[in-house]
């Protein structure tokens, strides 16, 4: 993709996702995700009903009448976008590929965070972390993130969610709002998610295509594993083959939902032919 085409694509995504974040998600994001704590604002005279634990005894002694400390919620947050760029994200049969939807969702979330003056960082991962952009503020920083989401070419096509979560825990020492976007056709990340979600507010956004859920009966078909590149002949006429595939797929989805839920993390399912706007809004409203 040449520079002119890339900039055109970035601009198109910016216009669409910024409109969403300005008119729909900005307020919802602001009310859903709370600050890291409370910061001192001022002292004022005690009023009936105030919490006596907030009395400032030094000021009270000086003026010989009760004064309390007033605190404000610390609003500035850090958002980390963790995006799966393995081979399976290139799958798509309706309108868009999964990775195109992922880019739009990530951009919408990033612009919503920018409205709140929050920092945004990016982790692109396959079976290892392929790119890390430290959290920063501002539109130009978000546009850089969008560019990387569009044009970055992974070295590996495989997936290791546990490695990505381990990296997150190592680089982010303070609490962050974390959105992990993947199809979650993986397992063995229960322990690393438990550790990471103990410090961070994590939400998994599963992006999937309805045609991934089962194999239709098409007879003998040559298929390629997007993550390994392996070519194989598959007899889709076999009920056993179709059943085993469906079972494998459902097990991965169940592992994702069970693991995230038990770790206290959020879960969003988003099919490529459905509105991710409704899915995100519904999630924000439930949490708000």
Protein backbone atom coordinates (compact mmCIF):
# COMPACT_ATOMS: atom_id res chain seq x y z
CA UNK A 1 0.00 0.00 0.00
CA UNK A 2 1.53 3.34 -1.05
CA UNK A 3 1.58 6.37 1.26
CA UNK A 4 -1.25 8.21 -0.52
CA UNK A 5 -3.56 5.19 -0.35
CA UNK A 6 -2.64 4.58 3.30
CA UNK A 7 -3.38 8.19 4.30
CA UNK A 8 -6.70 8.04 2.46
CA UNK A 9 -7.66 4.87 4.34
CA UNK A 10 -6.56 6.34 7.69
CA UNK A 11 -8.62 9.48 7.02
CA UNK A 12 -11.69 7.42 6.09
CA UNK A 13 -11.47 5.43 9.33
CA UNK A 14 -10.87 8.61 11.33
CA UNK A 15 -13.98 10.31 9.93
CA UNK A 16 -16.22 7.29 10.61
CA UNK A 17 -14.90 6.36 14.06
CA UNK A 18 -14.44 9.90 15.33
CA UNK A 19 -18.08 10.67 14.54
CA UNK A 20 -19.08 7.63 16.59
CA UNK A 21 -16.85 8.56 19.51
CA UNK A 22 -18.00 12.21 19.45
CA UNK A 23 -21.74 11.53 19.33
CA UNK A 24 -22.15 8.14 20.96
CA UNK A 25 -19.24 6.74 22.92
CA UNK A 26 -17.58 9.77 24.48
CA UNK A 27 -20.06 10.21 27.33
CA UNK A 28 -20.57 6.47 27.79
CA UNK A 29 -16.83 5.84 28.04
CA UNK A 30 -16.46 8.75 30.48
CA UNK A 31 -19.17 7.45 32.81
CA UNK A 32 -18.23 3.77 32.54
CA UNK A 33 -14.55 3.83 33.39
CA UNK A 34 -13.70 5.48 36.66
CA UNK A 35 -10.44 7.16 37.62
CA UNK A 36 -7.66 5.42 39.53
CA UNK A 37 -8.65 7.09 42.76
CA UNK A 38 -9.37 10.42 44.43
CA UNK A 39 -7.13 13.46 44.42
CA UNK A 40 -7.23 16.41 46.87
CA UNK A 41 -9.06 19.47 45.53
CA UNK A 42 -9.68 22.00 48.35
CA UNK A 43 -10.86 22.55 51.93
CA UNK A 44 -14.21 24.06 52.85
CA UNK A 45 -16.32 24.55 55.96
CA UNK A 46 -17.99 21.45 57.33
CA UNK A 47 -21.67 21.09 56.40
CA UNK A 48 -24.28 18.85 57.96
CA UNK A 49 -24.06 15.38 56.42
CA UNK A 50 -20.36 15.57 55.47
CA UNK A 51 -18.19 12.57 56.26
CA UNK A 52 -16.37 13.33 59.54
CA UNK A 53 -13.46 11.19 58.33
CA UNK A 54 -12.63 13.98 55.87
CA UNK A 55 -12.18 16.66 58.54
CA UNK A 56 -8.89 18.54 58.16
CA UNK A 57 -7.84 18.82 61.78
CA UNK A 58 -5.00 21.30 61.13
CA UNK A 59 -7.29 23.82 59.37
CA UNK A 60 -10.04 23.17 61.93
CA UNK A 61 -7.65 24.02 64.79
CA UNK A 62 -6.45 27.17 62.99
CA UNK A 63 -9.95 28.61 62.45
CA UNK A 64 -11.56 27.06 65.50
CA UNK A 65 -14.42 25.62 63.43
CA UNK A 66 -14.63 22.37 61.43
CA UNK A 67 -13.26 22.22 57.86
CA UNK A 68 -13.19 19.20 55.59
CA UNK A 69 -10.97 18.09 52.71
CA UNK A 70 -12.73 17.88 49.34
CA UNK A 71 -11.55 15.25 46.88
CA UNK A 72 -12.14 14.91 43.16
CA UNK A 73 -12.09 11.75 41.13
CA UNK A 74 -8.80 11.38 39.30
CA UNK A 75 -10.12 11.29 35.76
CA UNK A 76 -7.02 10.76 33.64
CA UNK A 77 -6.68 7.14 32.60
CA UNK A 78 -4.50 5.01 30.39
CA UNK A 79 -6.12 2.82 27.73
CA UNK A 80 -4.20 -0.11 26.26
CA UNK A 81 -5.41 -1.69 23.03
CA UNK A 82 -4.19 -5.28 22.63
CA UNK A 83 -4.82 -6.51 19.10
CA UNK A 84 -4.41 -10.03 17.74
CA UNK A 85 -2.77 -9.81 14.28
CA UNK A 86 -2.39 -13.56 13.68
CA UNK A 87 -3.43 -15.22 10.42
CA UNK A 88 -6.97 -16.06 11.52
CA UNK A 89 -7.83 -12.34 11.68
CA UNK A 90 -7.73 -12.22 7.86
CA UNK A 91 -10.85 -14.38 7.62
CA UNK A 92 -14.06 -12.81 6.35
CA UNK A 93 -17.08 -13.80 4.25
CA UNK A 94 -19.57 -10.96 4.88
CA UNK A 95 -18.78 -7.36 3.94
CA UNK A 96 -15.50 -7.06 5.89
CA UNK A 97 -12.56 -9.09 7.16
CA UNK A 98 -12.23 -9.49 10.90
CA UNK A 99 -9.10 -7.32 10.99
CA UNK A 100 -11.01 -4.43 9.34
CA UNK A 101 -13.68 -4.51 12.05
CA UNK A 102 -10.93 -4.74 14.69
CA UNK A 103 -9.32 -1.56 13.30
CA UNK A 104 -12.63 0.33 13.39
CA UNK A 105 -13.43 -0.75 16.96
CA UNK A 106 -9.91 0.08 18.17
CA UNK A 107 -10.05 3.52 16.52
CA UNK A 108 -13.48 4.26 18.04
CA UNK A 109 -12.26 3.33 21.52
CA UNK A 110 -9.08 5.38 21.05
CA UNK A 111 -10.95 8.53 20.02
CA UNK A 112 -13.36 8.06 22.95
CA UNK A 113 -10.36 7.95 25.29
CA UNK A 114 -8.88 11.04 23.60
CA UNK A 115 -12.07 12.97 24.38
CA UNK A 116 -11.41 12.20 28.02
CA UNK A 117 -7.77 13.39 27.70
CA UNK A 118 -6.54 9.86 28.41
CA UNK A 119 -3.38 8.21 27.14
CA UNK A 120 -3.67 5.40 24.59
CA UNK A 121 -1.14 2.64 23.94
CA UNK A 122 -1.05 -0.30 21.52
CA UNK A 123 0.17 -3.89 21.68
CA UNK A 124 0.07 -5.92 18.45
CA UNK A 125 0.60 -9.61 19.07
CA UNK A 126 0.72 -12.96 17.31
CA UNK A 127 2.52 -15.75 19.21
CA UNK A 128 4.79 -12.95 20.51
CA UNK A 129 4.48 -9.19 20.91
CA UNK A 130 5.29 -7.77 17.47
CA UNK A 131 4.80 -4.07 18.20
CA UNK A 132 4.45 -1.97 21.33
CA UNK A 133 3.52 1.72 21.20
CA UNK A 134 3.75 3.29 24.69
CA UNK A 135 0.70 5.27 25.87
CA UNK A 136 0.49 8.91 24.77
CA UNK A 137 -2.21 11.52 24.25
CA UNK A 138 -3.54 13.31 21.21
CA UNK A 139 -5.01 12.94 17.74
CA UNK A 140 -1.70 12.47 15.94
CA UNK A 141 -0.87 9.59 18.28
CA UNK A 142 -4.25 7.92 17.57
CA UNK A 143 -3.66 8.34 13.82
CA UNK A 144 -0.31 6.58 14.20
CA UNK A 145 -2.09 3.69 15.96
CA UNK A 146 -4.63 3.48 13.10
CA UNK A 147 -1.81 3.44 10.51
CA UNK A 148 -0.12 0.54 12.30
CA UNK A 149 -3.40 -1.37 12.52
CA UNK A 150 -3.91 -0.97 8.77
CA UNK A 151 -0.45 -1.69 7.39
CA UNK A 152 1.53 -3.69 9.97
CA UNK A 153 2.66 -7.06 8.61
CA UNK A 154 3.15 -9.71 11.33
CA UNK A 155 6.18 -11.98 11.29
CA UNK A 156 4.14 -14.89 12.65
CA UNK A 157 0.61 -16.07 11.84
CA UNK A 158 0.13 -17.97 15.09
CA UNK A 159 -1.42 -16.81 18.37
CA UNK A 160 -0.29 -16.79 22.00
CA UNK A 161 -2.61 -14.73 24.20
CA UNK A 162 -0.72 -15.71 27.35
CA UNK A 163 2.52 -14.13 26.05
CA UNK A 164 0.72 -10.90 25.22
CA UNK A 165 -0.82 -10.71 28.72
CA UNK A 166 2.55 -11.43 30.31
CA UNK A 167 4.05 -8.54 28.34
CA UNK A 168 1.20 -6.26 29.47
CA UNK A 169 1.87 -7.10 33.12
CA UNK A 170 5.57 -6.34 32.67
CA UNK A 171 5.25 -2.96 30.93
CA UNK A 172 2.14 -1.52 32.64
CA UNK A 173 2.76 -1.13 36.35
CA UNK A 174 -0.17 1.25 36.98
CA UNK A 175 -3.81 0.39 36.43
CA UNK A 176 -4.99 0.66 32.81
CA UNK A 177 -8.23 0.19 30.90
CA UNK A 178 -7.39 -2.73 28.58
CA UNK A 179 -9.31 -3.88 25.52
CA UNK A 180 -8.10 -7.13 23.95
CA UNK A 181 -9.41 -7.70 20.42
CA UNK A 182 -9.12 -11.23 19.04
CA UNK A 183 -11.14 -14.21 17.81
CA UNK A 184 -9.82 -16.06 20.88
CA UNK A 185 -9.28 -19.33 19.02
CA UNK A 186 -6.65 -20.16 21.61
CA UNK A 187 -6.30 -21.46 25.14
CA UNK A 188 -3.80 -21.75 27.99
CA UNK A 189 -4.01 -18.12 29.14
CA UNK A 190 -6.06 -18.58 32.32
CA UNK A 191 -3.24 -17.85 34.79
CA UNK A 192 -1.75 -14.88 32.93
CA UNK A 193 -5.20 -13.32 32.56
CA UNK A 194 -5.88 -13.78 36.27
CA UNK A 195 -2.64 -11.95 37.13
CA UNK A 196 -3.21 -9.14 34.62
CA UNK A 197 -6.86 -8.58 35.58
CA UNK A 198 -5.82 -8.27 39.24
CA UNK A 199 -4.17 -4.97 38.31
CA UNK A 200 -5.99 -3.79 35.18
CA UNK A 201 -9.59 -3.35 34.02
CA UNK A 202 -9.65 -5.82 31.11
CA UNK A 203 -12.32 -6.43 28.48
CA UNK A 204 -12.11 -9.11 25.80
CA UNK A 205 -13.78 -8.26 22.47
CA UNK A 206 -14.26 -11.43 20.41
CA UNK A 207 -14.50 -10.70 16.69
CA UNK A 208 -15.84 -13.61 14.66
CA UNK A 209 -17.49 -14.60 11.39
CA UNK A 210 -20.63 -16.77 11.47
CA UNK A 211 -19.08 -19.08 8.85
CA UNK A 212 -16.28 -19.99 11.27
CA UNK A 213 -18.70 -21.65 13.65
CA UNK A 214 -19.35 -24.71 11.49
CA UNK A 215 -18.27 -26.37 8.23
CA UNK A 216 -20.94 -26.77 5.50
CA UNK A 217 -21.27 -30.02 3.57
CA UNK A 218 -19.31 -29.27 0.39
CA UNK A 219 -17.74 -32.68 -0.21
CA UNK A 220 -13.94 -33.00 -0.49
CA UNK A 221 -12.41 -29.52 -0.10
CA UNK A 222 -8.81 -28.28 0.07
CA UNK A 223 -8.39 -25.97 3.06
CA UNK A 224 -5.52 -23.91 4.42
CA UNK A 225 -4.86 -23.23 8.07
CA UNK A 226 -4.35 -19.45 8.20
CA UNK A 227 -2.06 -19.71 11.22
CA UNK A 228 0.20 -22.57 10.13
CA UNK A 229 -0.14 -22.28 6.35
CA UNK A 230 -0.76 -26.05 6.14
CA UNK A 231 -2.83 -27.27 3.17
CA UNK A 232 -5.09 -30.27 3.70
CA UNK A 233 -7.92 -32.12 2.03
CA UNK A 234 -11.02 -32.15 4.21
CA UNK A 235 -14.02 -34.40 3.63
CA UNK A 236 -16.78 -31.97 4.65
CA UNK A 237 -19.40 -34.59 3.73
CA UNK A 238 -18.38 -36.49 6.88
CA UNK A 239 -20.68 -35.79 9.82
CA UNK A 240 -17.84 -36.71 12.18
CA UNK A 241 -15.51 -34.12 10.60
CA UNK A 242 -18.17 -31.40 10.83
CA UNK A 243 -19.03 -32.38 14.40
CA UNK A 244 -15.39 -32.42 15.54
CA UNK A 245 -14.73 -29.01 14.03
CA UNK A 246 -17.84 -27.52 15.63
CA UNK A 247 -16.89 -29.06 18.98
CA UNK A 248 -13.33 -27.67 18.71
CA UNK A 249 -14.65 -24.18 17.92
CA UNK A 250 -17.22 -24.14 20.73
CA UNK A 251 -14.64 -25.35 23.25
CA UNK A 252 -12.39 -22.38 22.42
CA UNK A 253 -15.31 -19.93 22.74
CA UNK A 254 -16.40 -21.48 26.05
CA UNK A 255 -12.81 -21.30 27.38
CA UNK A 256 -12.64 -17.60 26.48
CA UNK A 257 -15.95 -16.71 28.14
CA UNK A 258 -15.33 -18.82 31.24
CA UNK A 259 -11.75 -17.61 31.72
CA UNK A 260 -12.55 -13.93 31.28
CA UNK A 261 -15.66 -14.06 33.47
CA UNK A 262 -13.94 -15.91 36.33
CA UNK A 263 -11.01 -13.46 36.19
CA UNK A 264 -13.40 -10.53 36.64
CA UNK A 265 -12.79 -9.31 33.08
CA UNK A 266 -15.48 -8.09 30.69
CA UNK A 267 -16.70 -9.99 27.64
CA UNK A 268 -18.09 -8.67 24.33
CA UNK A 269 -18.99 -10.86 21.34
CA UNK A 270 -19.08 -9.08 18.00
CA UNK A 271 -19.91 -10.82 14.72
CA UNK A 272 -18.57 -9.12 11.59
CA UNK A 273 -22.03 -8.76 10.03
CA UNK A 274 -23.53 -7.22 13.19
CA UNK A 275 -23.29 -3.65 14.52
CA UNK A 276 -20.32 -3.29 16.84
CA UNK A 277 -21.80 0.09 17.83
CA UNK A 278 -24.77 -1.61 19.53
CA UNK A 279 -22.49 -4.18 21.18
CA UNK A 280 -20.14 -1.57 22.65
CA UNK A 281 -22.96 0.74 23.76
CA UNK A 282 -24.81 -2.13 25.43
CA UNK A 283 -21.64 -3.13 27.28
CA UNK A 284 -20.92 0.43 28.45
CA UNK A 285 -24.50 0.89 29.66
CA UNK A 286 -24.43 -2.39 31.61
CA UNK A 287 -21.21 -1.36 33.31
CA UNK A 288 -22.11 2.30 33.87
